[in-house]
Amino acid sequence: MRPEEQSAAAAKICEAAPVVPVLVIDDAEAAAPLATALVAGGLPALELTLRTPAALDAIRAMAQVPGGMVGAGTLLTPADVEAAKAAGATFGVSPGATARLIDAAIAAELPLLPGAATASEMMALLEQGFTVQKFFPAEASGGVAALKSFASPLPQIRFCPTGGVSPSNAAAYLALPNTICVGGSWVAPKEDVAAGNWDAITALARGAAALV
């Protein structure tokens, strides 16, 4: 899978809904009901970050949920890519991009949403064929104003801004012509996940899915 093909596949996933939930799971038992609640609310593309010991088991569980597309976030190494793919991830997300990471994703045929924060990083990824990228960390890197500024010199690239995106600014990001979707964690509050409050999470997902 060439970078161009990876990016095209990532675009289809990102176009499924305006918000991609960014999830951190400590207990794999919560993974399937959480994914079910989010998909029921209209958010089928889910990014499960590899930040906890339970992450790979959670990906395995989420991969079985009908209608969902589970991806692995915080991919840092080729080993991360291989483990995520083996667990059932259908796409990958990285905070940045290295040659080894990209090569591993290509070898694993795992659609990749690589991260970039500067024009040089974005151009380097574009040269390789990545026309869909993660703008990260979005708010710390200038937020809506910065992303708007990239639209004119880099109109070929569409972004998924992530990092500091919330209900208060998500609509502003989504209004930009170069935003394909946003990544956010607010749709799955830790307290609701811990309490198994799936109806509340579905309601939050519905609200996020309705953003334009």
Protein backbone atom coordinates (compact mmCIF):
# COMPACT_ATOMS: atom_id res chain seq x y z
CA MET A 1 0.00 0.00 0.00
CA ARG A 2 1.67 3.19 -1.23
CA PRO A 3 1.35 6.44 0.77
CA GLU A 4 -1.14 7.74 -1.81
CA GLU A 5 -3.31 4.69 -1.20
CA GLN A 6 -2.87 4.98 2.55
CA SER A 7 -3.97 8.60 2.45
CA ALA A 8 -7.00 7.82 0.28
CA ALA A 9 -8.05 5.11 2.71
CA ALA A 10 -7.52 7.44 5.67
CA ALA A 11 -9.65 10.08 3.93
CA LYS A 12 -12.59 7.68 3.65
CA ILE A 13 -12.32 6.89 7.35
CA CYS A 14 -12.09 10.57 8.30
CA GLU A 15 -15.09 11.42 6.12
CA ALA A 16 -17.31 8.98 8.01
CA ALA A 17 -18.11 11.57 10.71
CA PRO A 18 -17.01 15.08 11.73
CA VAL A 19 -15.41 13.81 14.94
CA VAL A 20 -13.02 10.92 15.56
CA PRO A 21 -13.10 10.04 19.27
CA VAL A 22 -9.61 9.85 20.78
CA LEU A 23 -9.86 7.18 23.46
CA VAL A 24 -7.66 6.06 26.35
CA ILE A 25 -8.84 2.82 27.95
CA ASP A 26 -7.54 1.38 31.19
CA ASP A 27 -9.93 -1.58 31.31
CA ALA A 28 -10.40 -3.66 28.17
CA GLU A 29 -13.79 -4.84 29.48
CA ALA A 30 -15.13 -1.37 28.74
CA ALA A 31 -13.93 -1.36 25.14
CA ALA A 32 -16.80 -3.11 23.36
CA PRO A 33 -19.65 -1.27 25.14
CA LEU A 34 -17.83 2.02 24.67
CA ALA A 35 -17.39 1.41 20.94
CA THR A 36 -21.02 0.31 20.68
CA ALA A 37 -22.19 3.52 22.38
CA LEU A 38 -20.09 5.74 20.11
CA VAL A 39 -21.13 3.96 16.92
CA ALA A 40 -24.78 4.16 17.99
CA GLY A 41 -24.32 7.92 18.35
CA GLY A 42 -23.01 8.25 14.80
CA LEU A 43 -19.24 8.15 15.32
CA PRO A 44 -17.94 4.99 13.59
CA ALA A 45 -14.23 5.85 13.33
CA LEU A 46 -12.51 5.38 16.70
CA GLU A 47 -8.91 6.10 17.65
CA LEU A 48 -7.74 3.96 20.56
CA THR A 49 -4.42 5.27 21.82
CA LEU A 50 -1.62 2.87 22.71
CA ARG A 51 -1.00 4.53 26.06
CA THR A 52 -2.13 1.83 28.48
CA PRO A 53 -1.41 -1.88 29.00
CA ALA A 54 -5.03 -2.59 28.07
CA ALA A 55 -4.87 -0.86 24.69
CA LEU A 56 -4.22 -3.83 22.40
CA ASP A 57 -6.86 -5.98 24.11
CA ALA A 58 -9.26 -3.04 23.80
CA ILE A 59 -8.55 -2.80 20.07
CA ARG A 60 -9.29 -6.51 19.70
CA ALA A 61 -12.62 -6.04 21.45
CA MET A 62 -13.58 -2.91 19.51
CA ALA A 63 -12.71 -4.55 16.21
CA GLN A 64 -15.66 -6.91 16.77
CA VAL A 65 -18.25 -4.14 17.13
CA PRO A 66 -20.51 -3.94 14.04
CA GLY A 67 -20.31 -0.66 12.17
CA GLY A 68 -17.13 0.50 13.85
CA MET A 69 -13.69 1.23 12.43
CA VAL A 70 -11.08 1.03 15.15
CA GLY A 71 -7.71 2.64 14.68
CA ALA A 72 -4.59 2.68 16.82
CA GLY A 73 -3.30 6.03 17.95
CA THR A 74 0.04 7.16 19.30
CA LEU A 75 1.94 4.89 16.90
CA LEU A 76 5.62 5.62 17.52
CA THR A 77 7.58 2.61 16.29
CA PRO A 78 7.39 -0.18 13.70
CA ALA A 79 6.62 -2.55 16.59
CA ASP A 80 3.58 -0.42 17.44
CA VAL A 81 2.36 -0.69 13.86
CA GLU A 82 2.78 -4.46 13.78
CA ALA A 83 1.06 -4.94 17.14
CA ALA A 84 -1.84 -2.67 16.20
CA LYS A 85 -2.38 -4.44 12.89
CA ALA A 86 -2.27 -7.85 14.58
CA ALA A 87 -4.83 -6.70 17.13
CA GLY A 88 -7.29 -5.74 14.39
CA ALA A 89 -6.72 -2.02 13.88
CA THR A 90 -7.95 -0.85 10.48
CA PHE A 91 -6.00 2.42 10.50
CA GLY A 92 -3.20 4.10 12.41
CA VAL A 93 -2.59 7.59 13.76
CA SER A 94 0.76 9.05 14.79
CA PRO A 95 1.68 12.31 16.56
CA GLY A 96 4.46 12.86 14.03
CA ALA A 97 6.07 10.86 11.25
CA THR A 98 9.39 9.13 10.72
CA ALA A 99 10.67 7.18 7.73
CA ARG A 100 10.74 3.93 9.74
CA LEU A 101 7.17 4.40 10.94
CA ILE A 102 5.89 5.16 7.44
CA ASP A 103 7.75 2.18 5.98
CA ALA A 104 6.26 -0.09 8.65
CA ALA A 105 2.73 1.15 7.93
CA ILE A 106 3.26 0.58 4.21
CA ALA A 107 4.57 -2.95 4.85
CA ALA A 108 1.63 -3.72 7.14
CA GLU A 109 -0.86 -2.18 4.66
CA LEU A 110 -2.21 -0.07 7.50
CA PRO A 111 -3.74 3.25 6.39
CA LEU A 112 -1.86 5.97 8.24
CA LEU A 113 -2.87 9.43 9.42
CA PRO A 114 0.55 10.97 10.13
CA GLY A 115 0.96 13.99 12.37
CA ALA A 116 2.46 17.33 11.39
CA ALA A 117 2.61 20.74 13.02
CA THR A 118 4.75 22.87 10.70
CA ALA A 119 4.73 23.74 7.01
CA SER A 120 8.00 21.84 6.48
CA GLU A 121 6.61 18.68 8.09
CA MET A 122 3.43 18.97 6.05
CA MET A 123 5.37 19.48 2.83
CA ALA A 124 7.61 16.50 3.56
CA LEU A 125 4.57 14.28 4.03
CA LEU A 126 2.91 15.71 0.95
CA GLU A 127 5.99 14.87 -1.12
CA GLN A 128 5.52 11.24 -0.08
CA GLY A 129 1.84 11.23 -1.04
CA PHE A 130 0.09 11.98 2.24
CA THR A 131 -2.69 14.42 1.38
CA VAL A 132 -4.58 13.79 4.63
CA GLN A 133 -2.66 14.57 7.82
CA LYS A 134 -3.20 15.04 11.52
CA PHE A 135 -2.58 18.61 12.69
CA PHE A 136 -1.11 18.05 16.14
CA PRO A 137 -1.04 19.48 18.73
CA ALA A 138 -3.69 21.71 17.20
CA GLU A 139 -4.32 24.32 19.86
CA ALA A 140 -0.70 24.52 21.00
CA SER A 141 0.38 24.95 17.36
CA GLY A 142 -1.78 27.99 16.71
CA GLY A 143 -5.26 26.54 16.55
CA VAL A 144 -7.85 27.60 14.03
CA ALA A 145 -5.87 30.64 12.89
CA ALA A 146 -2.79 28.56 12.09
CA LEU A 147 -4.71 25.88 10.26
CA LYS A 148 -6.55 28.53 8.24
CA SER A 149 -3.19 29.99 7.24
CA PHE A 150 -2.01 26.66 5.84
CA ALA A 151 -5.01 26.43 3.49
CA SER A 152 -3.70 28.88 0.89
CA PRO A 153 -0.10 27.64 0.41
CA LEU A 154 -1.01 23.97 0.96
CA PRO A 155 -4.47 23.51 -0.57
CA GLN A 156 -3.71 19.88 -1.46
CA ILE A 157 -3.73 18.82 2.19
CA ARG A 158 -6.73 18.15 4.39
CA PHE A 159 -6.29 17.89 8.13
CA CYS A 160 -7.69 16.22 11.21
CA PRO A 161 -6.82 18.74 13.94
CA THR A 162 -6.31 17.02 17.29
CA GLY A 163 -5.07 18.25 20.65
CA GLY A 164 -7.11 20.78 22.57
CA VAL A 165 -10.15 20.39 20.32
CA SER A 166 -13.35 20.66 22.36
CA PRO A 167 -17.07 21.41 21.95
CA SER A 168 -16.22 25.11 22.23
CA ASN A 169 -13.93 25.22 19.19
CA ALA A 170 -14.72 22.10 17.13
CA ALA A 171 -17.20 23.92 14.90
CA ALA A 172 -14.63 26.62 14.11
CA TYR A 173 -12.14 23.97 12.99
CA LEU A 174 -14.77 22.14 10.94
CA ALA A 175 -15.71 25.36 9.16
CA LEU A 176 -12.24 25.57 7.60
CA PRO A 177 -11.95 24.32 4.01
CA ASN A 178 -8.89 22.20 4.83
CA THR A 179 -10.41 20.38 7.81
CA ILE A 180 -11.73 16.89 7.03
CA CYS A 181 -12.68 16.05 10.63
CA VAL A 182 -11.47 16.71 14.16
CA GLY A 183 -10.12 14.40 16.85
CA GLY A 184 -11.47 14.84 20.35
CA SER A 185 -11.74 13.08 23.68
CA TRP A 186 -14.75 14.92 25.09
CA VAL A 187 -17.23 12.37 23.71
CA ALA A 188 -16.00 9.70 26.15
CA PRO A 189 -15.44 11.30 29.58
CA LYS A 190 -13.42 9.07 31.88
CA GLU A 191 -16.05 9.22 34.60
CA ASP A 192 -18.79 8.01 32.25
CA VAL A 193 -16.59 5.20 30.91
CA ALA A 194 -15.72 4.11 34.46
CA ALA A 195 -19.37 4.19 35.49
CA GLY A 196 -20.57 2.41 32.36
CA ASN A 197 -22.80 5.36 31.53
CA TRP A 198 -23.15 4.37 27.88
CA ASP A 199 -26.37 6.31 27.24
CA ALA A 200 -24.63 9.55 28.19
CA ILE A 201 -21.76 8.74 25.85
CA THR A 202 -24.16 7.96 23.01
CA ALA A 203 -25.82 11.33 23.60
CA LEU A 204 -22.44 13.10 23.45
CA ALA A 205 -21.62 11.22 20.25
CA ARG A 206 -24.91 12.32 18.67
CA GLY A 207 -24.06 15.91 19.45
CA ALA A 208 -20.60 15.53 17.94
CA ALA A 209 -21.96 13.77 14.86
CA ALA A 210 -24.28 16.72 14.26
CA LEU A 211 -21.44 19.24 14.09
CA VAL A 212 -20.99 20.83 10.68
